[in-house]
């Protein structure tokens, strides 16, 4: 493996993920500013500031730990309901001074109070009409949905580019054209193994004996017109050890080949033992289907179902990774990986000598699209501190205000997201733990391209 190519692949993938994160945050920043909100910070990363530049009222910059990003929108949390607008005063520097109680009973109550205090330290008298919590509910939804929507749009355009040119390699379609004629009959569990010359002489497949060739297109099997490979495969299996008349198209000519299928155990169901069925010894030619925007939307619809299922089992999958780290089980190659794991796979692809440049570009593009799609879907979860949690709060605000109007009752006011901060702290802690476990797993028991 070429170490330089590996490093370049890893770095390119990592930088592209950072670009995606930056675009995600722009998805919040642009509508927030458009709706009159005050955005004081736009940062990629967390931790100590590496670089920043003040442009207008917003500070743009990079942090030392490039594993995320954020924009600071002033007024995310409302003041306590007991503090009325005309009771709010400001100090000489324009900071609000009567917004929260200074002493609270209970850990979570104190946490909420402290968070509210930190939030309002940035609020100045001229910001009163620019606070996020005062925005219309639909504006809050647009601002908070902007970030993950950008990720999903990035995924859409990347998938569209791949599907329209290279094709969808994850949706391989089979044809009735023969791609390979197997020389000998091998056990089902050894499927794909290359036959030795001795095995071909001693136990040739019916297809090899009959003279079928790669490139032959099966037109009919025992008089039944071949409409799909799945149909032909079922006809072969149902034929047992009976005689078979196979019409194939070869070099624009139709040939009828007489042979006899044999019975051998084959894997019909991945979760069941091999079953004895009719066997011919041919493999079909496959292709990656291409398509435009509508095809991409259709495929992403299926991906959405898969992502939702993956999110539902994510804690269990991460626990499995933790067990793999301590050697209690093998790492699942289909399990979750972190950005570090993605970078390692990208590095392996870049350094893979047998892959063409096109294959490498397609792999990079597909993996970047997959990461963006997952990040977008994950952020739509209706849990604070995720974007979906703020969206859910805004929708709940709209619903209860609408119901109050219909019932002729007083306006219940803004939803106080601060009351959900204990949930946000738990979710954030869980996310941090899962992220650390995945990163450690990708360093200790990484998923490899060969897996």
Protein backbone atom coordinates (compact mmCIF):
# COMPACT_ATOMS: atom_id res chain seq x y z
CA UNK A 1 0.00 0.00 0.00
CA UNK A 2 1.35 3.42 -1.01
CA UNK A 3 1.59 5.46 2.21
CA UNK A 4 1.51 8.80 0.36
CA UNK A 5 -1.63 7.92 -1.59
CA UNK A 6 -3.22 6.64 1.62
CA UNK A 7 -2.46 9.93 3.40
CA UNK A 8 -3.77 11.97 0.47
CA UNK A 9 -6.99 9.96 0.36
CA UNK A 10 -7.51 10.31 4.10
CA UNK A 11 -6.84 14.06 4.00
CA UNK A 12 -9.08 14.72 1.00
CA UNK A 13 -11.99 12.86 2.58
CA UNK A 14 -11.50 14.64 5.91
CA UNK A 15 -11.37 18.05 4.23
CA UNK A 16 -14.50 17.30 2.21
CA UNK A 17 -16.33 16.36 5.40
CA UNK A 18 -15.24 19.67 6.94
CA UNK A 19 -16.59 21.47 3.86
CA UNK A 20 -19.88 19.62 4.35
CA UNK A 21 -19.97 20.70 8.00
CA UNK A 22 -19.27 24.28 6.95
CA UNK A 23 -22.11 24.20 4.42
CA UNK A 24 -24.39 22.70 7.09
CA UNK A 25 -23.71 25.68 9.34
CA UNK A 26 -24.28 28.10 6.44
CA UNK A 27 -27.66 26.41 6.10
CA UNK A 28 -28.46 27.83 9.56
CA UNK A 29 -26.63 31.14 9.24
CA UNK A 30 -28.09 32.41 5.97
CA UNK A 31 -31.80 32.07 6.82
CA UNK A 32 -31.16 33.30 10.39
CA UNK A 33 -29.64 36.51 9.02
CA UNK A 34 -32.30 36.71 6.31
CA UNK A 35 -35.02 36.70 8.97
CA UNK A 36 -33.29 39.43 10.95
CA UNK A 37 -31.69 37.23 13.59
CA UNK A 38 -28.36 38.16 15.14
CA UNK A 39 -25.59 35.62 14.50
CA UNK A 40 -22.48 36.40 16.52
CA UNK A 41 -20.35 33.34 15.70
CA UNK A 42 -19.80 30.88 12.86
CA UNK A 43 -17.21 28.22 13.68
CA UNK A 44 -16.08 24.90 12.26
CA UNK A 45 -14.80 22.66 15.04
CA UNK A 46 -14.82 22.85 18.81
CA UNK A 47 -12.33 23.73 21.52
CA UNK A 48 -9.68 26.48 21.38
CA UNK A 49 -9.87 28.93 18.51
CA UNK A 50 -7.19 28.43 15.85
CA UNK A 51 -8.20 31.30 13.57
CA UNK A 52 -11.05 33.79 13.41
CA UNK A 53 -12.05 36.96 11.60
CA UNK A 54 -14.76 39.44 12.49
CA UNK A 55 -17.00 40.38 9.58
CA UNK A 56 -19.77 42.72 10.58
CA UNK A 57 -21.44 41.40 13.72
CA UNK A 58 -20.36 37.79 13.07
CA UNK A 59 -17.05 36.16 13.99
CA UNK A 60 -16.02 33.45 11.51
CA UNK A 61 -13.33 30.94 12.43
CA UNK A 62 -11.85 27.49 12.97
CA UNK A 63 -11.52 25.56 16.21
CA UNK A 64 -8.83 23.04 17.17
CA UNK A 65 -11.05 19.92 17.17
CA UNK A 66 -12.53 19.60 13.66
CA UNK A 67 -15.36 17.21 14.54
CA UNK A 68 -18.35 19.47 14.07
CA UNK A 69 -19.35 23.10 13.97
CA UNK A 70 -21.86 25.65 15.20
CA UNK A 71 -23.42 29.06 14.69
CA UNK A 72 -24.36 31.22 17.65
CA UNK A 73 -27.80 32.76 17.17
CA UNK A 74 -28.65 35.25 19.90
CA UNK A 75 -31.77 34.61 21.96
CA UNK A 76 -32.25 30.86 21.54
CA UNK A 77 -33.61 30.64 25.10
CA UNK A 78 -36.35 32.97 26.36
CA UNK A 79 -36.14 34.64 29.77
CA UNK A 80 -38.01 33.07 32.66
CA UNK A 81 -41.75 33.36 32.37
CA UNK A 82 -41.83 35.20 35.72
CA UNK A 83 -39.72 38.04 34.30
CA UNK A 84 -41.99 40.41 32.38
CA UNK A 85 -40.74 42.54 29.52
CA UNK A 86 -41.09 45.80 31.45
CA UNK A 87 -39.16 44.32 34.40
CA UNK A 88 -36.04 43.66 32.35
CA UNK A 89 -33.26 46.19 32.91
CA UNK A 90 -29.73 46.51 31.55
CA UNK A 91 -26.39 47.49 33.03
CA UNK A 92 -24.09 50.22 31.74
CA UNK A 93 -22.72 47.96 29.03
CA UNK A 94 -26.18 47.04 27.81
CA UNK A 95 -26.38 43.57 29.36
CA UNK A 96 -29.61 42.35 30.92
CA UNK A 97 -29.34 42.11 34.72
CA UNK A 98 -32.75 40.89 36.00
CA UNK A 99 -33.33 37.95 33.70
CA UNK A 100 -32.84 34.95 36.02
CA UNK A 101 -32.82 34.02 39.64
CA UNK A 102 -29.35 33.92 41.20
CA UNK A 103 -30.06 30.90 43.37
CA UNK A 104 -31.94 27.72 42.51
CA UNK A 105 -32.83 24.49 44.19
CA UNK A 106 -31.88 21.31 42.36
CA UNK A 107 -29.10 20.47 39.94
CA UNK A 108 -31.16 20.63 36.76
CA UNK A 109 -32.88 23.84 37.82
CA UNK A 110 -29.49 25.42 38.38
CA UNK A 111 -28.23 24.14 35.03
CA UNK A 112 -31.21 25.70 33.28
CA UNK A 113 -30.71 28.96 35.14
CA UNK A 114 -27.00 29.05 34.29
CA UNK A 115 -27.69 28.31 30.63
CA UNK A 116 -30.27 31.08 30.51
CA UNK A 117 -27.82 33.48 32.14
CA UNK A 118 -25.06 32.62 29.65
CA UNK A 119 -27.50 33.03 26.77
CA UNK A 120 -28.62 36.49 27.86
CA UNK A 121 -25.15 37.85 28.45
CA UNK A 122 -25.05 38.50 24.71
CA UNK A 123 -28.40 40.27 24.57
CA UNK A 124 -28.33 44.06 24.30
CA UNK A 125 -31.23 46.50 24.30
CA UNK A 126 -31.11 46.91 20.50
CA UNK A 127 -31.41 43.13 20.06
CA UNK A 128 -34.90 42.91 21.55
CA UNK A 129 -36.64 42.41 18.21
CA UNK A 130 -33.92 40.15 16.78
CA UNK A 131 -34.02 37.31 19.31
CA UNK A 132 -34.42 33.83 17.90
CA UNK A 133 -37.14 32.75 20.31
CA UNK A 134 -39.31 35.67 19.13
CA UNK A 135 -39.26 34.55 15.49
CA UNK A 136 -42.40 33.09 13.94
CA UNK A 137 -42.55 29.34 14.34
CA UNK A 138 -42.10 28.72 10.63
CA UNK A 139 -38.98 30.90 10.54
CA UNK A 140 -37.52 28.87 13.41
CA UNK A 141 -38.24 25.69 11.45
CA UNK A 142 -36.57 27.08 8.31
CA UNK A 143 -33.49 28.20 10.26
CA UNK A 144 -33.04 24.93 12.13
CA UNK A 145 -33.93 22.70 9.17
CA UNK A 146 -31.54 24.62 6.93
CA UNK A 147 -28.43 22.80 8.19
CA UNK A 148 -29.50 19.16 7.78
CA UNK A 149 -31.38 20.04 4.59
CA UNK A 150 -28.09 21.26 3.09
CA UNK A 151 -26.50 17.88 3.93
CA UNK A 152 -29.36 16.02 2.26
CA UNK A 153 -29.11 18.29 -0.80
CA UNK A 154 -25.37 17.62 -0.99
CA UNK A 155 -26.11 13.89 -0.84
CA UNK A 156 -28.75 14.26 -3.56
CA UNK A 157 -26.44 16.06 -5.98
CA UNK A 158 -23.55 13.66 -5.33
CA UNK A 159 -25.74 10.57 -5.71
CA UNK A 160 -27.31 12.07 -8.84
CA UNK A 161 -23.89 12.60 -10.41
CA UNK A 162 -22.88 8.99 -9.72
CA UNK A 163 -26.20 7.43 -10.74
CA UNK A 164 -26.39 9.42 -13.98
CA UNK A 165 -22.89 8.46 -15.12
CA UNK A 166 -21.35 5.45 -13.42
CA UNK A 167 -24.60 3.90 -12.22
CA UNK A 168 -25.83 2.64 -8.87
CA UNK A 169 -23.44 -0.09 -7.79
CA UNK A 170 -25.58 -0.86 -4.73
CA UNK A 171 -28.54 -1.76 -6.94
CA UNK A 172 -26.92 -4.27 -9.28
CA UNK A 173 -29.34 -5.66 -11.88
CA UNK A 174 -28.95 -9.06 -13.49
CA UNK A 175 -29.53 -9.98 -17.14
CA UNK A 176 -30.13 -13.24 -18.96
CA UNK A 177 -26.69 -12.97 -20.55
CA UNK A 178 -24.08 -15.38 -19.18
CA UNK A 179 -21.08 -13.70 -17.59
CA UNK A 180 -19.28 -16.86 -16.45
CA UNK A 181 -19.48 -20.59 -17.05
CA UNK A 182 -18.30 -22.45 -13.97
CA UNK A 183 -15.89 -25.25 -14.75
CA UNK A 184 -16.67 -27.58 -11.84
CA UNK A 185 -19.23 -28.17 -9.12
CA UNK A 186 -17.96 -26.75 -5.83
CA UNK A 187 -19.70 -26.92 -2.46
CA UNK A 188 -22.19 -24.14 -1.80
CA UNK A 189 -20.11 -22.72 1.04
CA UNK A 190 -17.14 -22.40 -1.35
CA UNK A 191 -19.08 -20.59 -4.05
CA UNK A 192 -16.81 -18.39 -6.15
CA UNK A 193 -13.71 -20.54 -5.71
CA UNK A 194 -11.61 -21.16 -8.81
CA UNK A 195 -11.70 -24.78 -10.01
CA UNK A 196 -8.54 -26.77 -10.58
CA UNK A 197 -8.02 -28.56 -13.90
CA UNK A 198 -8.43 -31.88 -12.11
CA UNK A 199 -11.79 -30.82 -10.66
CA UNK A 200 -12.99 -29.71 -14.09
CA UNK A 201 -12.09 -33.10 -15.55
CA UNK A 202 -13.61 -35.12 -12.72
CA UNK A 203 -16.78 -33.11 -11.96
CA UNK A 204 -17.58 -30.58 -14.70
CA UNK A 205 -20.77 -28.55 -14.54
CA UNK A 206 -23.59 -29.29 -17.03
CA UNK A 207 -23.04 -25.85 -18.59
CA UNK A 208 -19.33 -26.53 -19.14
CA UNK A 209 -20.01 -29.95 -20.64
CA UNK A 210 -22.72 -28.58 -22.92
CA UNK A 211 -20.49 -25.86 -24.33
CA UNK A 212 -22.27 -22.79 -23.03
CA UNK A 213 -20.05 -19.69 -23.24
CA UNK A 214 -19.72 -16.33 -21.55
CA UNK A 215 -21.67 -13.83 -23.62
CA UNK A 216 -24.45 -16.24 -24.55
CA UNK A 217 -27.89 -14.72 -23.95
CA UNK A 218 -30.43 -17.25 -22.73
CA UNK A 219 -33.55 -16.89 -24.86
CA UNK A 220 -35.58 -19.78 -23.46
CA UNK A 221 -35.29 -22.74 -21.08
CA UNK A 222 -37.29 -25.88 -21.89
CA UNK A 223 -39.57 -23.85 -24.12
CA UNK A 224 -40.25 -21.12 -21.57
CA UNK A 225 -39.21 -17.67 -22.81
CA UNK A 226 -36.56 -16.11 -20.57
CA UNK A 227 -37.80 -12.79 -19.22
CA UNK A 228 -35.41 -12.32 -16.32
CA UNK A 229 -32.47 -14.02 -14.65
CA UNK A 230 -34.54 -14.71 -11.53
CA UNK A 231 -37.03 -16.60 -13.65
CA UNK A 232 -34.30 -18.61 -15.43
CA UNK A 233 -32.66 -19.42 -12.11
CA UNK A 234 -35.94 -20.72 -10.70
CA UNK A 235 -36.55 -22.83 -13.84
CA UNK A 236 -33.10 -24.38 -13.44
CA UNK A 237 -33.64 -25.13 -9.76
CA UNK A 238 -37.06 -26.65 -10.39
CA UNK A 239 -35.65 -28.82 -13.19
CA UNK A 240 -33.83 -31.07 -10.73
CA UNK A 241 -31.74 -33.60 -12.69
CA UNK A 242 -34.01 -33.45 -15.74
CA UNK A 243 -33.14 -32.77 -19.35
CA UNK A 244 -32.88 -29.16 -20.47
CA UNK A 245 -33.20 -27.58 -23.90
CA UNK A 246 -31.62 -24.13 -23.76
CA UNK A 247 -31.92 -21.66 -26.61
CA UNK A 248 -29.18 -19.03 -26.56
CA UNK A 249 -28.25 -16.11 -28.76
CA UNK A 250 -24.57 -16.18 -29.75
CA UNK A 251 -23.03 -13.87 -32.36
CA UNK A 252 -26.51 -12.87 -33.61
CA UNK A 253 -27.43 -16.56 -34.10
CA UNK A 254 -29.87 -18.70 -32.15
CA UNK A 255 -28.49 -22.02 -30.92
CA UNK A 256 -30.30 -24.83 -29.13
CA UNK A 257 -28.14 -26.61 -26.58
CA UNK A 258 -29.27 -29.90 -25.07
CA UNK A 259 -27.99 -30.81 -21.64
CA UNK A 260 -29.11 -32.19 -18.29
CA UNK A 261 -29.11 -30.24 -15.03
CA UNK A 262 -27.78 -31.91 -11.89
CA UNK A 263 -28.91 -31.70 -8.27
CA UNK A 264 -26.54 -30.17 -5.74
CA UNK A 265 -26.99 -28.26 -2.46
CA UNK A 266 -27.19 -24.50 -3.05
CA UNK A 267 -27.79 -21.56 -0.72
CA UNK A 268 -31.35 -20.38 -1.38
CA UNK A 269 -31.82 -18.41 1.85
CA UNK A 270 -28.85 -16.70 3.53
CA UNK A 271 -30.30 -17.59 6.93
CA UNK A 272 -30.93 -21.27 6.12
CA UNK A 273 -28.87 -24.35 5.27
CA UNK A 274 -28.16 -25.17 1.61
CA UNK A 275 -30.98 -27.00 -0.20
CA UNK A 276 -30.61 -29.62 -2.99
CA UNK A 277 -31.85 -28.02 -6.22
CA UNK A 278 -31.27 -28.19 -9.94
CA UNK A 279 -27.90 -26.77 -11.00
CA UNK A 280 -26.51 -25.68 -14.37
CA UNK A 281 -23.30 -23.81 -13.55
CA UNK A 282 -23.66 -20.34 -15.03
CA UNK A 283 -23.52 -16.85 -13.52
CA UNK A 284 -25.40 -13.88 -15.02
CA UNK A 285 -23.97 -10.64 -16.27
CA UNK A 286 -24.84 -7.72 -14.02
CA UNK A 287 -24.88 -3.98 -14.52
CA UNK A 288 -25.25 -0.88 -12.39
CA UNK A 289 -28.49 0.88 -13.45
CA UNK A 290 -28.31 4.57 -14.29
CA UNK A 291 -30.95 7.20 -13.78
CA UNK A 292 -31.69 10.87 -13.37
CA UNK A 293 -33.09 12.97 -10.51
CA UNK A 294 -36.29 10.94 -10.15
CA UNK A 295 -34.32 7.71 -9.92
CA UNK A 296 -32.08 9.33 -7.31
CA UNK A 297 -35.10 10.43 -5.26
CA UNK A 298 -36.49 6.90 -5.44
CA UNK A 299 -33.22 5.42 -4.24
CA UNK A 300 -32.88 7.97 -1.47
CA UNK A 301 -36.38 7.08 -0.36
CA UNK A 302 -35.19 3.53 0.20
CA UNK A 303 -32.06 4.83 1.89
CA UNK A 304 -34.25 6.84 4.28
CA UNK A 305 -35.88 3.64 5.52
CA UNK A 306 -32.46 2.04 5.97
CA UNK A 307 -31.11 5.07 7.86
CA UNK A 308 -34.13 5.17 10.18
CA UNK A 309 -33.58 1.49 10.97
CA UNK A 310 -29.87 2.14 11.52
CA UNK A 311 -30.61 5.05 13.87
CA UNK A 312 -33.00 2.87 15.88
CA UNK A 313 -30.26 0.29 16.46
CA UNK A 314 -27.33 2.73 16.68
CA UNK A 315 -26.75 2.42 20.46
CA UNK A 316 -26.67 -1.38 20.17
CA UNK A 317 -24.32 -1.24 17.20
CA UNK A 318 -21.99 1.14 19.04
CA UNK A 319 -22.03 -1.20 22.04
CA UNK A 320 -20.96 -4.00 19.68
CA UNK A 321 -18.06 -1.82 18.54
CA UNK A 322 -17.08 -1.31 22.19
CA UNK A 323 -17.07 -5.08 22.68
CA UNK A 324 -14.91 -5.46 19.59
CA UNK A 325 -12.47 -2.92 21.01
CA UNK A 326 -11.93 -5.05 24.14
CA UNK A 327 -11.78 -8.26 22.10
CA UNK A 328 -15.12 -9.80 23.10
CA UNK A 329 -16.34 -10.09 19.50
CA UNK A 330 -15.36 -9.37 15.90
CA UNK A 331 -15.94 -5.91 14.42
CA UNK A 332 -18.99 -5.92 12.16
CA UNK A 333 -17.83 -4.65 8.73
CA UNK A 334 -21.38 -3.39 8.09
CA UNK A 335 -21.57 -1.54 11.41
CA UNK A 336 -21.23 2.21 12.06
CA UNK A 337 -17.94 4.03 11.60
CA UNK A 338 -16.74 7.50 12.54
CA UNK A 339 -15.22 10.16 10.33
CA UNK A 340 -11.86 8.59 11.21
CA UNK A 341 -13.05 5.23 9.90
CA UNK A 342 -14.35 6.89 6.76
CA UNK A 343 -10.99 8.56 6.28
CA UNK A 344 -9.19 5.22 6.67
CA UNK A 345 -11.41 3.60 4.05
CA UNK A 346 -10.84 6.55 1.74
CA UNK A 347 -7.09 6.17 2.25
CA UNK A 348 -7.24 2.46 1.43
CA UNK A 349 -9.19 3.15 -1.75
CA UNK A 350 -6.75 5.87 -2.82
CA UNK A 351 -3.81 3.50 -2.28
CA UNK A 352 -5.49 0.48 -3.92
CA UNK A 353 -3.43 -0.35 -7.00
CA UNK A 354 -6.10 -2.47 -8.70
CA UNK A 355 -8.76 0.27 -8.63
CA UNK A 356 -9.08 2.64 -11.58
CA UNK A 357 -9.23 6.40 -11.11
CA UNK A 358 -12.92 6.27 -12.00
CA UNK A 359 -13.59 3.62 -9.36
CA UNK A 360 -11.77 5.71 -6.75
CA UNK A 361 -13.68 8.87 -7.62
CA UNK A 362 -16.99 7.00 -7.52
CA UNK A 363 -16.16 5.45 -4.15
CA UNK A 364 -15.14 8.83 -2.68
CA UNK A 365 -18.27 10.49 -4.06
CA UNK A 366 -20.58 7.74 -2.85
CA UNK A 367 -19.08 7.64 0.63
CA UNK A 368 -19.20 11.43 0.96
CA UNK A 369 -22.83 11.38 -0.17
CA UNK A 370 -23.61 8.64 2.35
CA UNK A 371 -22.01 10.56 5.22
CA UNK A 372 -23.93 13.71 4.32
CA UNK A 373 -27.20 11.83 4.06
CA UNK A 374 -26.70 10.18 7.45
CA UNK A 375 -25.64 13.47 9.09
CA UNK A 376 -28.71 15.19 7.67
CA UNK A 377 -31.11 12.46 8.80
CA UNK A 378 -29.45 12.21 12.22
CA UNK A 379 -29.84 15.94 12.83
CA UNK A 380 -33.55 15.73 12.10
CA UNK A 381 -34.09 13.50 15.14
CA UNK A 382 -36.54 15.38 17.40
CA UNK A 383 -34.14 15.56 20.34
CA UNK A 384 -32.22 18.49 21.75
CA UNK A 385 -29.49 19.56 21.18
CA UNK A 386 -30.00 18.30 17.61
CA UNK A 387 -31.64 20.56 15.05
CA UNK A 388 -34.68 18.31 15.07
CA UNK A 389 -35.24 19.09 18.75
CA UNK A 390 -35.53 22.82 17.99
CA UNK A 391 -37.80 22.05 15.03
CA UNK A 392 -40.05 19.96 17.27
CA UNK A 393 -40.21 22.82 19.81
CA UNK A 394 -41.21 25.29 17.08
CA UNK A 395 -43.90 22.96 15.74
CA UNK A 396 -45.25 22.40 19.25
CA UNK A 397 -45.36 26.17 19.75
CA UNK A 398 -47.35 26.57 16.53
CA UNK A 399 -49.73 23.76 17.49
CA UNK A 400 -50.54 24.97 20.99
CA UNK A 401 -50.92 28.61 19.86
CA UNK A 402 -53.21 27.48 17.07
CA UNK A 403 -55.31 25.39 19.45
CA UNK A 404 -55.51 28.31 21.88
CA UNK A 405 -56.85 30.57 19.12
CA UNK A 406 -59.42 28.00 18.06
CA UNK A 407 -60.62 27.65 21.65
CA UNK A 408 -60.63 31.38 22.28
CA UNK A 409 -58.05 31.08 25.03
CA UNK A 410 -55.10 33.39 25.80
CA UNK A 411 -51.88 33.00 23.82
CA UNK A 412 -49.75 30.45 25.73
CA UNK A 413 -46.60 32.25 24.55
CA UNK A 414 -43.27 30.91 23.37
CA UNK A 415 -42.12 27.37 24.04
CA UNK A 416 -39.35 27.44 26.64
CA UNK A 417 -36.68 25.15 25.20
CA UNK A 418 -34.61 25.72 28.33
CA UNK A 419 -36.87 23.33 30.21
CA UNK A 420 -35.67 20.54 27.93
CA UNK A 421 -31.99 21.22 28.60
CA UNK A 422 -31.67 18.22 30.97
CA UNK A 423 -32.70 16.02 28.04
CA UNK A 424 -30.24 17.87 25.81
CA UNK A 425 -27.40 17.24 28.27
CA UNK A 426 -28.20 13.51 28.39
CA UNK A 427 -28.43 13.26 24.59
CA UNK A 428 -25.22 15.27 24.12
CA UNK A 429 -23.40 13.05 26.62
CA UNK A 430 -24.62 9.92 24.84
CA UNK A 431 -23.52 11.33 21.48
CA UNK A 432 -20.10 12.15 22.91
CA UNK A 433 -19.67 8.66 24.33
CA UNK A 434 -20.78 7.00 21.09
CA UNK A 435 -18.48 9.24 19.07
CA UNK A 436 -15.49 8.39 21.24
CA UNK A 437 -16.28 4.66 21.07
CA UNK A 438 -16.48 4.75 17.26
CA UNK A 439 -13.26 6.73 16.91
CA UNK A 440 -11.42 4.35 19.27
CA UNK A 441 -12.91 1.40 17.39
CA UNK A 442 -11.74 2.82 14.06
CA UNK A 443 -8.24 3.14 15.49
CA UNK A 444 -8.03 -0.19 17.34
CA UNK A 445 -10.20 -2.55 15.24
CA UNK A 446 -10.77 -0.65 11.99
CA UNK A 447 -13.05 -1.73 9.17
CA UNK A 448 -10.95 -2.44 6.10
CA UNK A 449 -11.80 -2.20 2.43
CA UNK A 450 -11.16 -5.93 2.03
CA UNK A 451 -13.85 -6.72 4.62
